Amino acid sequence: MAIEGNQIEVVKQALKDQQLEPEDITDEVERLTNSGDLETVALRYHKALIKKGALNLQQMEQKAAQELKRKAADKEQYNQNVKQVIQDKVKAKEYDGIPINPKLASELHDFLVTDKWRLPSGETLTDFDRAILELKKPENHAQKVKIGLLLKTMEKDPTLSTIIKAGVTKKSDQLFSDLVKQKKEVKQSSVANDKPATSWFK
């Protein structure tokens, strides 16, 4: 704090923290410099700034610790929810018409909750999180549209019953078409068999 330039910066920052106007700050610094009180006032403000900085740092550390704790609690809640949903659906052997068995359930659980990837920021990702990020690549845009369509459908139809009905209708139509075809074939076969037999003897 022996350097005048540093003293001026400390005083300016302290006055700025007091929400003084820029021109008032300039006038006060000039007054302190002319009166020879700049160093004394700067030392006093410097102590206050150090104390305030330490307090800010402590608050930031506390906030970061609380955020980490919140994220850990959110992740634990997520893991429990996923586990419970999967267990319930395995018991039912299906999830809204989608078959699910213990092997698939285990793979699904791993896909959704196990962190296997790390971003440069340090954030960890599951295979599911990575798959979502991969959808941003141009070669995956068609798949992204399909997933988007599913999500939009689920907004109005959470059980995807319209898709199931469409699948059943398509299958029913195919079965009906096959039955009609078989019936025609049987009819043609019986007509062919009803022709009078030609005798070998005349």
C-alpha atoms as a PDB file:
ATOM      1  CA  MET A   1       0.000   0.000   0.000  1.00  0.00           C
ATOM      2  CA  ALA A   2       3.012   2.299  -0.214  1.00  0.00           C
ATOM      3  CA  ILE A   3       2.360   2.904  -3.920  1.00  0.00           C
ATOM      4  CA  GLU A   4       0.012   5.834  -4.590  1.00  0.00           C
ATOM      5  CA  GLY A   5      -1.604   4.161  -7.584  1.00  0.00           C
ATOM      6  CA  ASN A   6      -2.666   1.207  -5.410  1.00  0.00           C
ATOM      7  CA  GLN A   7      -3.989   3.590  -2.759  1.00  0.00           C
ATOM      8  CA  ILE A   8      -6.105   5.379  -5.354  1.00  0.00           C
ATOM      9  CA  GLU A   9      -7.539   2.052  -6.667  1.00  0.00           C
ATOM     10  CA  VAL A  10      -8.438   0.895  -3.137  1.00  0.00           C
ATOM     11  CA  VAL A  11     -10.165   4.182  -2.321  1.00  0.00           C
ATOM     12  CA  LYS A  12     -12.013   4.166  -5.652  1.00  0.00           C
ATOM     13  CA  GLN A  13     -13.262   0.601  -5.070  1.00  0.00           C
ATOM     14  CA  ALA A  14     -14.363   1.376  -1.513  1.00  0.00           C
ATOM     15  CA  LEU A  15     -16.264   4.472  -2.641  1.00  0.00           C
ATOM     16  CA  LYS A  16     -17.763   2.570  -5.550  1.00  0.00           C
ATOM     17  CA  ASP A  17     -19.020  -0.065  -3.084  1.00  0.00           C
ATOM     18  CA  GLN A  18     -20.734   2.801  -1.248  1.00  0.00           C
ATOM     19  CA  GLN A  19     -22.532   3.531  -4.555  1.00  0.00           C
ATOM     20  CA  LEU A  20     -21.064   6.986  -5.032  1.00  0.00           C
ATOM     21  CA  GLU A  21     -21.280   8.583  -8.464  1.00  0.00           C
ATOM     22  CA  PRO A  22     -18.080   8.416 -10.596  1.00  0.00           C
ATOM     23  CA  GLU A  23     -17.556  12.196 -10.473  1.00  0.00           C
ATOM     24  CA  ASP A  24     -17.937  12.206  -6.659  1.00  0.00           C
ATOM     25  CA  ILE A  25     -15.372   9.391  -6.411  1.00  0.00           C
ATOM     26  CA  THR A  26     -12.907  11.394  -8.551  1.00  0.00           C
ATOM     27  CA  ASP A  27     -13.448  14.509  -6.410  1.00  0.00           C
ATOM     28  CA  GLU A  28     -12.933  12.559  -3.161  1.00  0.00           C
ATOM     29  CA  VAL A  29      -9.725  10.895  -4.415  1.00  0.00           C
ATOM     30  CA  GLU A  30      -8.404  14.309  -5.491  1.00  0.00           C
ATOM     31  CA  ARG A  31      -9.305  15.851  -2.112  1.00  0.00           C
ATOM     32  CA  LEU A  32      -7.568  13.012  -0.198  1.00  0.00           C
ATOM     33  CA  THR A  33      -4.480  13.277  -2.404  1.00  0.00           C
ATOM     34  CA  ASN A  34      -4.240  17.062  -1.967  1.00  0.00           C
ATOM     35  CA  SER A  35      -4.733  16.886   1.800  1.00  0.00           C
ATOM     36  CA  GLY A  36      -2.152  14.103   2.248  1.00  0.00           C
ATOM     37  CA  ASP A  37      -4.751  11.759   3.779  1.00  0.00           C
ATOM     38  CA  LEU A  38      -4.843   9.337   0.831  1.00  0.00           C
ATOM     39  CA  GLU A  39      -2.545   6.687   2.360  1.00  0.00           C
ATOM     40  CA  THR A  40      -4.283   6.726   5.772  1.00  0.00           C
ATOM     41  CA  VAL A  41      -7.763   6.426   4.252  1.00  0.00           C
ATOM     42  CA  ALA A  42      -6.567   3.806   1.738  1.00  0.00           C
ATOM     43  CA  LEU A  43      -5.147   1.629   4.558  1.00  0.00           C
ATOM     44  CA  ARG A  44      -8.452   1.849   6.428  1.00  0.00           C
ATOM     45  CA  TYR A  45     -10.440   0.972   3.294  1.00  0.00           C
ATOM     46  CA  HIS A  46      -7.947  -1.784   2.424  1.00  0.00           C
ATOM     47  CA  LYS A  47      -8.646  -3.601   5.715  1.00  0.00           C
ATOM     48  CA  ALA A  48     -12.392  -3.327   5.071  1.00  0.00           C
ATOM     49  CA  LEU A  49     -11.984  -4.617   1.494  1.00  0.00           C
ATOM     50  CA  ILE A  50      -9.896  -7.591   2.664  1.00  0.00           C
ATOM     51  CA  LYS A  51     -12.498  -8.424   5.302  1.00  0.00           C
ATOM     52  CA  LYS A  52     -15.296  -8.080   2.755  1.00  0.00           C
ATOM     53  CA  GLY A  53     -13.371 -10.214   0.244  1.00  0.00           C
ATOM     54  CA  ALA A  54     -12.848 -12.941   2.843  1.00  0.00           C
ATOM     55  CA  LEU A  55     -16.551 -12.833   3.722  1.00  0.00           C
ATOM     56  CA  ASN A  56     -17.523 -13.022   0.037  1.00  0.00           C
ATOM     57  CA  LEU A  57     -15.162 -15.941  -0.464  1.00  0.00           C
ATOM     58  CA  GLN A  58     -16.657 -17.740   2.538  1.00  0.00           C
ATOM     59  CA  GLN A  59     -20.176 -17.132   1.245  1.00  0.00           C
ATOM     60  CA  MET A  60     -19.192 -18.419  -2.190  1.00  0.00           C
ATOM     61  CA  GLU A  61     -17.697 -21.555  -0.649  1.00  0.00           C
ATOM     62  CA  GLN A  62     -20.831 -22.138   1.432  1.00  0.00           C
ATOM     63  CA  LYS A  63     -23.028 -21.613  -1.622  1.00  0.00           C
ATOM     64  CA  ALA A  64     -20.913 -24.056  -3.657  1.00  0.00           C
ATOM     65  CA  ALA A  65     -21.093 -26.649  -0.857  1.00  0.00           C
ATOM     66  CA  GLN A  66     -24.891 -26.247  -0.648  1.00  0.00           C
ATOM     67  CA  GLU A  67     -25.167 -26.612  -4.427  1.00  0.00           C
ATOM     68  CA  LEU A  68     -23.098 -29.812  -4.365  1.00  0.00           C
ATOM     69  CA  LYS A  69     -25.258 -31.154  -1.540  1.00  0.00           C
ATOM     70  CA  ARG A  70     -28.439 -30.284  -3.472  1.00  0.00           C
ATOM     71  CA  LYS A  71     -27.138 -31.954  -6.642  1.00  0.00           C
ATOM     72  CA  ALA A  72     -26.175 -35.087  -4.683  1.00  0.00           C
ATOM     73  CA  ALA A  73     -29.664 -35.209  -3.107  1.00  0.00           C
ATOM     74  CA  ASP A  74     -31.316 -34.690  -6.520  1.00  0.00           C
ATOM     75  CA  LYS A  75     -29.205 -37.476  -8.018  1.00  0.00           C
ATOM     76  CA  GLU A  76     -30.043 -39.846  -5.162  1.00  0.00           C
ATOM     77  CA  GLN A  77     -33.753 -39.068  -5.584  1.00  0.00           C
ATOM     78  CA  TYR A  78     -33.461 -39.664  -9.349  1.00  0.00           C
ATOM     79  CA  ASN A  79     -31.707 -43.010  -8.814  1.00  0.00           C
ATOM     80  CA  GLN A  80     -34.365 -44.147  -6.334  1.00  0.00           C
ATOM     81  CA  ASN A  81     -37.211 -43.093  -8.654  1.00  0.00           C
ATOM     82  CA  VAL A  82     -35.701 -44.877 -11.673  1.00  0.00           C
ATOM     83  CA  LYS A  83     -35.070 -48.023  -9.613  1.00  0.00           C
ATOM     84  CA  GLN A  84     -38.637 -48.059  -8.272  1.00  0.00           C
ATOM     85  CA  VAL A  85     -40.245 -47.499 -11.684  1.00  0.00           C
ATOM     86  CA  ILE A  86     -38.154 -50.256 -13.284  1.00  0.00           C
ATOM     87  CA  GLN A  87     -38.902 -52.718 -10.447  1.00  0.00           C
ATOM     88  CA  ASP A  88     -42.650 -52.052 -10.764  1.00  0.00           C
ATOM     89  CA  LYS A  89     -42.584 -52.524 -14.538  1.00  0.00           C
ATOM     90  CA  VAL A  90     -40.541 -55.748 -14.315  1.00  0.00           C
ATOM     91  CA  LYS A  91     -43.205 -57.163 -11.980  1.00  0.00           C
ATOM     92  CA  ALA A  92     -45.854 -56.237 -14.548  1.00  0.00           C
ATOM     93  CA  LYS A  93     -43.564 -57.589 -17.332  1.00  0.00           C
ATOM     94  CA  GLU A  94     -44.384 -54.550 -19.475  1.00  0.00           C
ATOM     95  CA  TYR A  95     -44.391 -50.755 -19.485  1.00  0.00           C
ATOM     96  CA  ASP A  96     -47.462 -49.399 -21.293  1.00  0.00           C
ATOM     97  CA  GLY A  97     -47.322 -52.262 -23.757  1.00  0.00           C
ATOM     98  CA  ILE A  98     -43.516 -52.359 -24.078  1.00  0.00           C
ATOM     99  CA  PRO A  99     -42.242 -55.770 -22.891  1.00  0.00           C
ATOM    100  CA  ILE A 100     -39.594 -55.634 -20.147  1.00  0.00           C
ATOM    101  CA  ASN A 101     -37.656 -58.482 -18.538  1.00  0.00           C
ATOM    102  CA  PRO A 102     -34.999 -58.513 -15.776  1.00  0.00           C
ATOM    103  CA  LYS A 103     -32.088 -58.486 -18.257  1.00  0.00           C
ATOM    104  CA  LEU A 104     -33.467 -55.496 -20.186  1.00  0.00           C
ATOM    105  CA  ALA A 105     -34.333 -53.791 -16.885  1.00  0.00           C
ATOM    106  CA  SER A 106     -30.737 -54.141 -15.673  1.00  0.00           C
ATOM    107  CA  GLU A 107     -29.397 -52.693 -18.937  1.00  0.00           C
ATOM    108  CA  LEU A 108     -31.936 -49.848 -18.773  1.00  0.00           C
ATOM    109  CA  HIS A 109     -30.989 -49.019 -15.175  1.00  0.00           C
ATOM    110  CA  ASP A 110     -27.293 -48.912 -16.094  1.00  0.00           C
ATOM    111  CA  PHE A 111     -28.079 -46.774 -19.164  1.00  0.00           C
ATOM    112  CA  LEU A 112     -29.998 -44.230 -17.062  1.00  0.00           C
ATOM    113  CA  VAL A 113     -28.021 -43.925 -13.805  1.00  0.00           C
ATOM    114  CA  THR A 114     -24.377 -45.017 -14.184  1.00  0.00           C
ATOM    115  CA  ASP A 115     -21.964 -42.147 -14.878  1.00  0.00           C
ATOM    116  CA  LYS A 116     -19.462 -43.276 -17.522  1.00  0.00           C
ATOM    117  CA  TRP A 117     -18.465 -40.051 -19.282  1.00  0.00           C
ATOM    118  CA  ARG A 118     -16.890 -36.757 -18.213  1.00  0.00           C
ATOM    119  CA  LEU A 119     -17.164 -33.352 -19.903  1.00  0.00           C
ATOM    120  CA  PRO A 120     -14.209 -30.912 -19.928  1.00  0.00           C
ATOM    121  CA  SER A 121     -16.102 -28.943 -17.247  1.00  0.00           C
ATOM    122  CA  GLY A 122     -15.872 -31.989 -14.969  1.00  0.00           C
ATOM    123  CA  GLU A 123     -19.589 -32.795 -15.181  1.00  0.00           C
ATOM    124  CA  THR A 124     -20.267 -36.531 -15.412  1.00  0.00           C
ATOM    125  CA  LEU A 125     -22.725 -38.117 -17.843  1.00  0.00           C
ATOM    126  CA  THR A 126     -24.617 -41.399 -18.149  1.00  0.00           C
ATOM    127  CA  ASP A 127     -24.968 -43.228 -21.464  1.00  0.00           C
ATOM    128  CA  PHE A 128     -28.452 -41.696 -21.665  1.00  0.00           C
ATOM    129  CA  ASP A 129     -27.091 -38.151 -21.176  1.00  0.00           C
ATOM    130  CA  ARG A 130     -24.433 -38.809 -23.829  1.00  0.00           C
ATOM    131  CA  ALA A 131     -27.037 -40.183 -26.245  1.00  0.00           C
ATOM    132  CA  ILE A 132     -29.073 -36.977 -25.831  1.00  0.00           C
ATOM    133  CA  LEU A 133     -25.990 -34.843 -26.581  1.00  0.00           C
ATOM    134  CA  GLU A 134     -25.183 -37.020 -29.607  1.00  0.00           C
ATOM    135  CA  LEU A 135     -28.588 -36.098 -31.081  1.00  0.00           C
ATOM    136  CA  LYS A 136     -27.134 -32.649 -31.854  1.00  0.00           C
ATOM    137  CA  LYS A 137     -24.893 -34.157 -34.533  1.00  0.00           C
ATOM    138  CA  PRO A 138     -26.255 -33.746 -38.090  1.00  0.00           C
ATOM    139  CA  GLU A 139     -26.181 -37.482 -38.776  1.00  0.00           C
ATOM    140  CA  ASN A 140     -28.525 -38.040 -35.806  1.00  0.00           C
ATOM    141  CA  HIS A 141     -31.117 -35.372 -36.645  1.00  0.00           C
ATOM    142  CA  ALA A 142     -33.620 -37.901 -38.056  1.00  0.00           C
ATOM    143  CA  GLN A 143     -33.441 -39.854 -34.801  1.00  0.00           C
ATOM    144  CA  LYS A 144     -33.859 -36.608 -32.847  1.00  0.00           C
ATOM    145  CA  VAL A 145     -37.042 -35.859 -34.810  1.00  0.00           C
ATOM    146  CA  LYS A 146     -38.392 -39.345 -33.985  1.00  0.00           C
ATOM    147  CA  ILE A 147     -37.620 -38.910 -30.268  1.00  0.00           C
ATOM    148  CA  GLY A 148     -39.145 -35.424 -30.380  1.00  0.00           C
ATOM    149  CA  LEU A 149     -42.277 -36.882 -31.962  1.00  0.00           C
ATOM    150  CA  LEU A 150     -42.502 -39.491 -29.189  1.00  0.00           C
ATOM    151  CA  LEU A 151     -42.126 -36.811 -26.507  1.00  0.00           C
ATOM    152  CA  LYS A 152     -44.784 -34.607 -28.136  1.00  0.00           C
ATOM    153  CA  THR A 153     -47.112 -37.630 -28.407  1.00  0.00           C
ATOM    154  CA  MET A 154     -46.526 -38.424 -24.723  1.00  0.00           C
ATOM    155  CA  GLU A 155     -47.624 -34.894 -23.737  1.00  0.00           C
ATOM    156  CA  LYS A 156     -51.194 -35.754 -24.796  1.00  0.00           C
ATOM    157  CA  ASP A 157     -50.963 -39.555 -24.538  1.00  0.00           C
ATOM    158  CA  PRO A 158     -48.560 -40.550 -21.693  1.00  0.00           C
ATOM    159  CA  THR A 159     -49.196 -44.290 -22.196  1.00  0.00           C
ATOM    160  CA  LEU A 160     -48.643 -44.081 -25.976  1.00  0.00           C
ATOM    161  CA  SER A 161     -51.960 -45.912 -26.418  1.00  0.00           C
ATOM    162  CA  THR A 162     -52.500 -44.283 -29.826  1.00  0.00           C
ATOM    163  CA  ILE A 163     -49.278 -45.878 -31.081  1.00  0.00           C
ATOM    164  CA  ILE A 164     -50.312 -49.247 -29.642  1.00  0.00           C
ATOM    165  CA  LYS A 165     -53.785 -48.930 -31.231  1.00  0.00           C
ATOM    166  CA  ALA A 166     -52.212 -47.994 -34.550  1.00  0.00           C
ATOM    167  CA  GLY A 167     -49.947 -51.046 -34.317  1.00  0.00           C
ATOM    168  CA  VAL A 168     -52.867 -53.319 -33.425  1.00  0.00           C
ATOM    169  CA  THR A 169     -54.992 -51.851 -36.234  1.00  0.00           C
ATOM    170  CA  LYS A 170     -52.180 -52.355 -38.739  1.00  0.00           C
ATOM    171  CA  LYS A 171     -51.722 -55.943 -37.567  1.00  0.00           C
ATOM    172  CA  SER A 172     -55.490 -56.559 -37.646  1.00  0.00           C
ATOM    173  CA  ASP A 173     -55.690 -55.159 -41.175  1.00  0.00           C
ATOM    174  CA  GLN A 174     -52.871 -57.458 -42.264  1.00  0.00           C
ATOM    175  CA  LEU A 175     -54.546 -60.495 -40.647  1.00  0.00           C
ATOM    176  CA  PHE A 176     -57.876 -59.607 -42.287  1.00  0.00           C
ATOM    177  CA  SER A 177     -56.150 -59.171 -45.636  1.00  0.00           C
ATOM    178  CA  ASP A 178     -54.437 -62.561 -45.216  1.00  0.00           C
ATOM    179  CA  LEU A 179     -57.759 -64.222 -44.307  1.00  0.00           C
ATOM    180  CA  VAL A 180     -59.506 -62.756 -47.358  1.00  0.00           C
ATOM    181  CA  LYS A 181     -56.632 -63.930 -49.555  1.00  0.00           C
ATOM    182  CA  GLN A 182     -56.773 -67.443 -48.054  1.00  0.00           C
ATOM    183  CA  LYS A 183     -60.563 -67.544 -48.498  1.00  0.00           C
ATOM    184  CA  LYS A 184     -60.209 -66.643 -52.199  1.00  0.00           C
ATOM    185  CA  GLU A 185     -57.537 -69.287 -52.648  1.00  0.00           C
ATOM    186  CA  VAL A 186     -59.734 -71.923 -50.962  1.00  0.00           C
ATOM    187  CA  LYS A 187     -62.730 -70.896 -53.103  1.00  0.00           C
ATOM    188  CA  GLN A 188     -60.699 -71.071 -56.322  1.00  0.00           C
ATOM    189  CA  SER A 189     -59.342 -74.435 -55.269  1.00  0.00           C
ATOM    190  CA  SER A 190     -62.834 -75.805 -54.579  1.00  0.00           C
ATOM    191  CA  VAL A 191     -64.155 -74.492 -57.934  1.00  0.00           C
ATOM    192  CA  ALA A 192     -61.313 -76.257 -59.666  1.00  0.00           C
ATOM    193  CA  ASN A 193     -62.157 -79.473 -57.808  1.00  0.00           C
ATOM    194  CA  ASP A 194     -65.887 -79.227 -58.711  1.00  0.00           C
ATOM    195  CA  LYS A 195     -65.225 -79.612 -62.461  1.00  0.00           C
ATOM    196  CA  PRO A 196     -66.651 -82.893 -63.806  1.00  0.00           C
ATOM    197  CA  ALA A 197     -64.011 -85.549 -63.994  1.00  0.00           C
ATOM    198  CA  THR A 198     -63.040 -86.626 -67.485  1.00  0.00           C
ATOM    199  CA  SER A 199     -63.242 -90.313 -68.011  1.00  0.00           C
ATOM    200  CA  TRP A 200     -60.268 -92.217 -69.246  1.00  0.00           C
ATOM    201  CA  PHE A 201     -62.678 -94.472 -71.077  1.00  0.00           C
ATOM    202  CA  LYS A 202     -65.014 -93.491 -73.881  1.00  0.00           C
END
